[in-house]
N, C-alpha and C. Protein backbone atom coordinates (compact mmCIF):
# COMPACT_ATOMS: atom_id res chain seq x y z
N MET A 1 27.83 10.12 -0.90
CA MET A 1 27.37 10.99 -0.05
C MET A 1 25.85 11.12 0.02
N LYS A 2 25.36 11.49 -1.35
CA LYS A 2 24.06 11.77 -1.48
C LYS A 2 23.07 10.77 -0.95
N ASN A 3 23.67 9.30 -1.33
CA ASN A 3 22.84 8.32 -0.49
C ASN A 3 22.69 8.46 1.01
N VAL A 4 23.77 8.53 1.52
CA VAL A 4 23.86 8.75 3.12
C VAL A 4 22.93 10.03 3.44
N VAL A 5 22.70 11.05 2.61
CA VAL A 5 21.75 12.09 3.08
C VAL A 5 20.34 11.53 2.93
N LEU A 6 20.00 11.07 1.95
CA LEU A 6 18.65 10.26 1.49
C LEU A 6 18.44 9.34 2.87
N ILE A 7 19.49 8.52 3.07
CA ILE A 7 19.09 7.41 4.26
C ILE A 7 19.12 8.34 5.37
N LEU A 8 19.81 9.25 6.08
CA LEU A 8 19.51 10.05 7.04
C LEU A 8 18.14 10.93 7.19
N THR A 9 17.81 11.29 5.96
CA THR A 9 16.64 11.98 5.83
C THR A 9 15.24 11.01 6.25
N SER A 10 15.25 9.91 5.48
CA SER A 10 14.38 9.01 5.91
C SER A 10 14.37 8.44 7.21
N VAL A 11 15.38 8.23 7.86
CA VAL A 11 15.43 7.78 9.24
C VAL A 11 14.94 8.82 10.13
N SER A 12 15.41 10.12 9.80
CA SER A 12 15.02 11.26 10.66
C SER A 12 13.55 11.41 10.71
N LEU A 13 12.82 11.34 9.45
CA LEU A 13 11.51 11.52 9.45
C LEU A 13 10.79 10.36 10.06
N ASN A 14 11.17 9.27 10.08
CA ASN A 14 10.73 7.99 10.67
C ASN A 14 10.70 8.22 12.38
N ALA A 15 12.01 8.68 12.68
CA ALA A 15 12.20 8.90 14.07
C ALA A 15 11.34 10.01 14.52
N GLY A 16 11.27 11.18 13.61
CA GLY A 16 10.22 12.46 14.14
C GLY A 16 8.95 11.91 14.01
N ALA A 17 8.43 10.97 13.25
CA ALA A 17 7.09 10.13 13.29
C ALA A 17 6.70 9.64 14.69
N GLN A 18 7.79 8.90 15.16
CA GLN A 18 7.69 8.44 16.41
C GLN A 18 7.25 9.22 17.55
N ILE A 19 8.02 10.44 17.48
CA ILE A 19 8.03 11.50 18.50
C ILE A 19 6.62 12.08 18.52
N ILE A 20 6.17 12.38 17.28
CA ILE A 20 4.90 13.15 17.16
C ILE A 20 3.83 12.20 17.46
N MET A 21 3.92 10.80 17.06
CA MET A 21 2.73 9.71 17.51
C MET A 21 2.80 9.92 19.03
N ARG A 22 3.87 9.92 19.72
CA ARG A 22 3.84 9.67 20.99
C ARG A 22 3.28 11.12 21.65
N LYS A 23 3.31 12.25 21.19
CA LYS A 23 2.84 13.46 21.42
C LYS A 23 1.25 13.30 21.25
N ALA A 24 0.84 12.71 20.23
CA ALA A 24 -0.71 12.48 19.97
C ALA A 24 -1.24 11.63 20.98
N MET A 25 -0.46 10.51 21.31
CA MET A 25 -0.89 9.53 22.50
C MET A 25 -1.07 10.17 23.57
N MET A 26 0.00 11.24 23.85
CA MET A 26 -0.16 11.83 25.29
C MET A 26 -1.31 12.64 25.48
N GLN A 27 -1.83 13.18 24.39
CA GLN A 27 -2.92 14.00 24.43
C GLN A 27 -4.21 13.02 24.51
N ILE A 28 -4.06 12.04 23.83
CA ILE A 28 -5.46 11.10 23.63
C ILE A 28 -5.44 10.35 24.68
N GLY A 29 -4.46 9.70 25.41
CA GLY A 29 -4.49 8.99 26.51
C GLY A 29 -4.15 7.49 26.34
N GLU A 30 -4.21 6.69 27.43
CA GLU A 30 -3.86 5.27 27.08
C GLU A 30 -5.18 4.45 26.47
N ILE A 31 -4.63 3.85 25.51
CA ILE A 31 -5.79 2.64 24.89
C ILE A 31 -5.59 1.56 25.54
N ASN A 32 -6.85 1.17 26.03
CA ASN A 32 -6.98 -0.05 26.70
C ASN A 32 -8.30 -0.94 26.02
N ILE A 33 -7.61 -1.68 25.23
CA ILE A 33 -8.52 -2.54 24.35
C ILE A 33 -9.40 -3.65 25.14
N GLU A 34 -8.94 -3.76 26.37
CA GLU A 34 -9.53 -4.93 27.39
C GLU A 34 -10.90 -4.13 27.86
N GLU A 35 -10.82 -2.74 27.91
CA GLU A 35 -12.15 -2.17 28.45
C GLU A 35 -12.89 -1.75 27.48
N LYS A 36 -12.54 -1.27 26.42
CA LYS A 36 -13.34 -0.83 25.27
C LYS A 36 -12.67 -1.41 23.85
N ASN A 37 -13.70 -1.39 22.77
CA ASN A 37 -13.38 -1.81 21.59
C ASN A 37 -12.40 -0.66 21.00
N PHE A 38 -11.44 -1.18 20.20
CA PHE A 38 -10.33 -0.48 19.58
C PHE A 38 -11.22 0.78 18.82
N ILE A 39 -12.47 0.23 18.09
CA ILE A 39 -13.08 1.18 17.05
C ILE A 39 -13.58 2.35 17.94
N SER A 40 -13.96 2.23 19.19
CA SER A 40 -14.26 3.42 19.86
C SER A 40 -13.54 4.47 20.26
N TYR A 41 -12.19 4.25 19.98
CA TYR A 41 -11.12 5.13 20.01
C TYR A 41 -10.91 5.99 18.69
N LEU A 42 -11.49 5.49 17.63
CA LEU A 42 -11.40 6.05 16.27
C LEU A 42 -11.61 7.52 16.36
N PRO A 43 -12.79 8.04 16.71
CA PRO A 43 -12.93 9.45 16.59
C PRO A 43 -11.80 10.21 17.26
N GLN A 44 -11.31 9.74 18.36
CA GLN A 44 -10.23 10.82 19.10
C GLN A 44 -9.06 10.57 18.27
N LEU A 45 -8.61 9.28 17.76
CA LEU A 45 -7.46 9.17 16.87
C LEU A 45 -7.46 9.82 15.57
N LEU A 46 -8.62 9.78 15.03
CA LEU A 46 -8.87 10.50 13.59
C LEU A 46 -8.96 12.05 13.70
N GLY A 47 -9.25 12.37 14.86
CA GLY A 47 -9.36 13.84 15.22
C GLY A 47 -8.15 14.73 15.66
N ASN A 48 -7.01 13.69 15.67
CA ASN A 48 -5.83 14.19 16.24
C ASN A 48 -4.81 14.83 15.23
N ILE A 49 -4.51 16.04 15.19
CA ILE A 49 -3.62 16.58 14.07
C ILE A 49 -2.03 15.90 14.07
N PHE A 50 -1.71 15.71 15.54
CA PHE A 50 -0.34 15.22 15.61
C PHE A 50 -0.28 13.73 15.14
N LEU A 51 -1.43 13.04 15.20
CA LEU A 51 -1.26 11.65 14.66
C LEU A 51 -1.23 11.82 13.16
N TRP A 52 -1.89 12.53 12.37
CA TRP A 52 -1.95 12.90 10.99
C TRP A 52 -0.67 13.34 10.58
N ILE A 53 0.01 14.12 11.31
CA ILE A 53 1.36 14.66 10.87
C ILE A 53 2.44 13.41 11.10
N SER A 54 2.32 12.56 12.10
CA SER A 54 3.06 11.49 12.03
C SER A 54 2.91 10.48 11.04
N PHE A 55 1.75 10.26 10.49
CA PHE A 55 1.52 9.44 9.30
C PHE A 55 2.06 10.16 8.02
N LEU A 56 2.00 11.53 7.95
CA LEU A 56 2.63 12.09 6.78
C LEU A 56 4.14 11.83 6.86
N CYS A 57 4.75 12.04 8.03
CA CYS A 57 6.18 11.77 8.20
C CYS A 57 6.59 10.46 7.86
N TYR A 58 5.82 9.40 8.12
CA TYR A 58 5.92 8.01 7.84
C TYR A 58 5.83 7.89 6.36
N GLY A 59 4.97 8.38 5.81
CA GLY A 59 4.45 8.39 4.34
C GLY A 59 5.82 8.76 3.41
N VAL A 60 6.30 10.04 3.83
CA VAL A 60 7.40 10.68 3.09
C VAL A 60 8.67 9.78 3.48
N SER A 61 8.82 9.25 4.64
CA SER A 61 10.10 8.48 4.81
C SER A 61 10.09 7.15 4.10
N ILE A 62 8.86 6.66 3.94
CA ILE A 62 8.90 5.54 3.01
C ILE A 62 9.22 5.74 1.56
N LEU A 63 8.81 6.81 1.18
CA LEU A 63 9.07 7.30 -0.20
C LEU A 63 10.47 7.49 -0.61
N ILE A 64 11.16 8.17 0.44
CA ILE A 64 12.48 8.29 0.25
C ILE A 64 13.29 7.03 0.39
N TRP A 65 12.81 6.18 1.38
CA TRP A 65 13.34 4.72 1.46
C TRP A 65 13.34 3.99 0.27
N ILE A 66 12.17 4.07 -0.67
CA ILE A 66 12.20 3.51 -1.66
C ILE A 66 13.29 3.97 -2.65
N ILE A 67 13.48 5.15 -2.77
CA ILE A 67 14.74 5.89 -3.46
C ILE A 67 16.12 5.18 -3.00
N VAL A 68 16.17 5.23 -1.73
CA VAL A 68 17.50 4.78 -1.18
C VAL A 68 17.59 3.19 -1.75
N LEU A 69 16.46 2.52 -1.51
CA LEU A 69 16.83 0.83 -1.93
C LEU A 69 17.10 0.70 -3.38
N SER A 70 16.69 1.69 -3.97
CA SER A 70 16.89 1.48 -5.65
C SER A 70 18.50 1.81 -5.95
N LYS A 71 19.13 2.50 -4.74
CA LYS A 71 20.39 2.77 -5.08
C LYS A 71 21.46 2.18 -4.41
N VAL A 72 21.21 1.74 -3.13
CA VAL A 72 22.18 1.01 -2.46
C VAL A 72 21.88 -0.48 -1.80
N GLU A 73 22.91 -1.38 -1.39
CA GLU A 73 22.38 -2.52 -0.97
C GLU A 73 21.63 -2.37 0.46
N VAL A 74 20.55 -3.30 0.59
CA VAL A 74 19.75 -2.94 1.85
C VAL A 74 20.52 -3.38 2.97
N SER A 75 21.51 -4.28 3.06
CA SER A 75 22.22 -4.41 4.17
C SER A 75 23.02 -3.15 4.64
N TYR A 76 23.49 -2.48 3.83
CA TYR A 76 23.98 -1.29 4.08
C TYR A 76 23.17 -0.06 4.54
N ALA A 77 21.97 0.23 3.73
CA ALA A 77 21.04 1.12 4.16
C ALA A 77 20.32 0.91 5.58
N TYR A 78 19.90 -0.49 5.75
CA TYR A 78 19.19 -0.71 6.89
C TYR A 78 20.03 -0.68 8.12
N ALA A 79 21.38 -0.81 8.21
CA ALA A 79 22.15 -0.53 9.29
C ALA A 79 22.07 0.94 9.88
N PHE A 80 21.75 1.86 8.88
CA PHE A 80 21.74 3.05 9.38
C PHE A 80 20.32 3.45 10.09
N SER A 81 19.27 2.56 9.65
CA SER A 81 18.03 2.81 10.37
C SER A 81 18.29 2.61 11.94
N SER A 82 19.36 1.91 12.51
CA SER A 82 19.62 1.87 13.82
C SER A 82 19.86 3.40 14.45
N LEU A 83 19.95 4.18 13.50
CA LEU A 83 20.07 5.61 14.09
C LEU A 83 18.98 6.11 14.61
N GLY A 84 17.78 5.50 13.99
CA GLY A 84 16.52 6.05 14.75
C GLY A 84 16.45 5.79 16.09
N TYR A 85 17.16 4.71 16.81
CA TYR A 85 17.05 4.53 18.27
C TYR A 85 17.61 5.73 18.81
N ILE A 86 18.86 6.32 18.12
CA ILE A 86 19.59 7.29 18.79
C ILE A 86 18.56 8.71 18.76
N PHE A 87 18.17 8.90 17.66
CA PHE A 87 17.43 10.01 17.34
C PHE A 87 16.07 9.97 18.37
N VAL A 88 15.40 8.93 18.23
CA VAL A 88 14.40 8.88 19.07
C VAL A 88 14.54 9.04 20.72
N THR A 89 15.60 8.59 21.09
CA THR A 89 15.99 8.83 22.40
C THR A 89 16.37 10.04 22.73
N ILE A 90 17.03 10.82 21.86
CA ILE A 90 17.40 12.22 22.22
C ILE A 90 16.34 13.08 22.09
N MET A 91 15.48 12.96 21.09
CA MET A 91 14.14 13.70 20.99
C MET A 91 13.29 13.38 22.12
N GLY A 92 13.15 12.16 22.45
CA GLY A 92 12.29 11.73 23.72
C GLY A 92 12.64 12.52 25.13
N VAL A 93 14.05 12.69 25.12
CA VAL A 93 14.46 13.34 26.33
C VAL A 93 14.22 15.01 26.10
N LEU A 94 14.60 15.30 25.04
CA LEU A 94 14.56 16.81 24.74
C LEU A 94 13.28 17.47 24.56
N LEU A 95 12.43 16.73 24.08
CA LEU A 95 10.96 17.24 23.62
C LEU A 95 9.87 16.49 24.58
N LEU A 96 10.13 15.33 25.05
CA LEU A 96 9.00 14.68 25.89
C LEU A 96 9.42 14.67 27.16
N HIS A 97 10.64 15.13 27.62
CA HIS A 97 10.97 15.05 28.92
C HIS A 97 11.22 13.52 29.41
N GLU A 98 11.47 12.48 28.56
CA GLU A 98 11.58 11.10 29.15
C GLU A 98 12.87 10.92 29.67
N GLN A 99 12.90 10.13 30.62
CA GLN A 99 14.13 9.67 31.37
C GLN A 99 14.72 8.47 30.84
N ILE A 100 16.08 8.27 30.71
CA ILE A 100 16.77 7.31 30.34
C ILE A 100 17.73 6.97 31.09
N SER A 101 17.93 5.55 31.17
CA SER A 101 19.00 5.05 32.28
C SER A 101 20.32 4.86 31.56
N ALA A 102 21.31 4.67 32.51
CA ALA A 102 22.72 4.60 32.10
C ALA A 102 22.88 3.40 31.32
N VAL A 103 22.08 2.35 31.48
CA VAL A 103 22.18 0.97 30.66
C VAL A 103 21.65 1.38 29.19
N ARG A 104 20.75 2.15 29.05
CA ARG A 104 20.22 2.41 27.83
C ARG A 104 21.49 3.34 27.00
N ILE A 105 21.82 4.34 27.67
CA ILE A 105 22.73 5.06 27.14
C ILE A 105 24.00 4.31 26.61
N VAL A 106 24.44 3.32 27.41
CA VAL A 106 25.57 2.64 26.82
C VAL A 106 25.04 1.68 25.57
N GLY A 107 24.00 1.23 25.55
CA GLY A 107 23.44 0.59 24.45
C GLY A 107 23.35 1.46 23.16
N ILE A 108 22.99 2.68 23.41
CA ILE A 108 23.18 3.61 22.29
C ILE A 108 24.35 3.80 21.90
N ILE A 109 25.30 3.78 22.52
CA ILE A 109 26.58 4.25 22.42
C ILE A 109 27.06 2.85 21.44
N ILE A 110 26.77 1.64 21.94
CA ILE A 110 27.20 0.42 21.15
C ILE A 110 26.55 0.55 19.75
N VAL A 111 25.28 0.87 19.66
CA VAL A 111 24.57 0.94 18.35
C VAL A 111 25.26 1.95 17.56
N TYR A 112 25.80 3.18 18.13
CA TYR A 112 26.55 4.15 17.31
C TYR A 112 27.62 3.63 16.64
N PHE A 113 28.52 2.84 17.35
CA PHE A 113 29.71 2.51 16.85
C PHE A 113 29.41 1.32 15.87
N GLY A 114 28.53 0.57 16.12
CA GLY A 114 28.08 -0.30 15.08
C GLY A 114 27.70 0.21 13.57
N ILE A 115 26.93 1.48 13.82
CA ILE A 115 26.68 1.89 12.54
C ILE A 115 27.89 2.54 11.82
N ILE A 116 28.87 3.18 12.60
CA ILE A 116 30.23 3.61 12.09
C ILE A 116 30.97 2.53 11.20
N LEU A 117 30.90 1.36 12.06
CA LEU A 117 31.58 0.17 11.31
C LEU A 117 30.94 -0.19 9.87
N VAL A 118 29.53 -0.25 10.03
CA VAL A 118 28.79 -0.49 8.78
C VAL A 118 29.21 0.63 7.54
N ALA A 119 29.18 1.93 7.94
CA ALA A 119 29.08 2.93 7.19
C ALA A 119 30.59 2.86 6.46
N ARG A 120 31.47 2.35 7.25
CA ARG A 120 32.92 2.31 6.39
C ARG A 120 33.18 1.10 5.85
N SER A 121 32.11 0.22 5.66
CA SER A 121 32.24 -1.15 4.80
C SER A 121 31.94 -0.73 3.42
């Protein structure tokens, strides 16, 4: 059970990083490397606190994932990473007011049941 908690913590931090990074990019705006050099965007990117928080979440997630992989098989642990799709979708809808289609909901339900099967193995 302790391993599952570590896995879920890592996946949740990774999913949270995605949402926070999206929030940062909503503030910064679209990056169009066809019009401007990517380097010209660096001041905006490096000055955005949400982007830095997302990096921190990713970093902590990776450290926890290292601990996870020292304890369980990667084929078991990585299946749980699919929960990230579910977490990100739910947070995207609740926090960023994103719209999701019925087809995407069905896909998420299929992923969920796949994770249940792997967790029981």
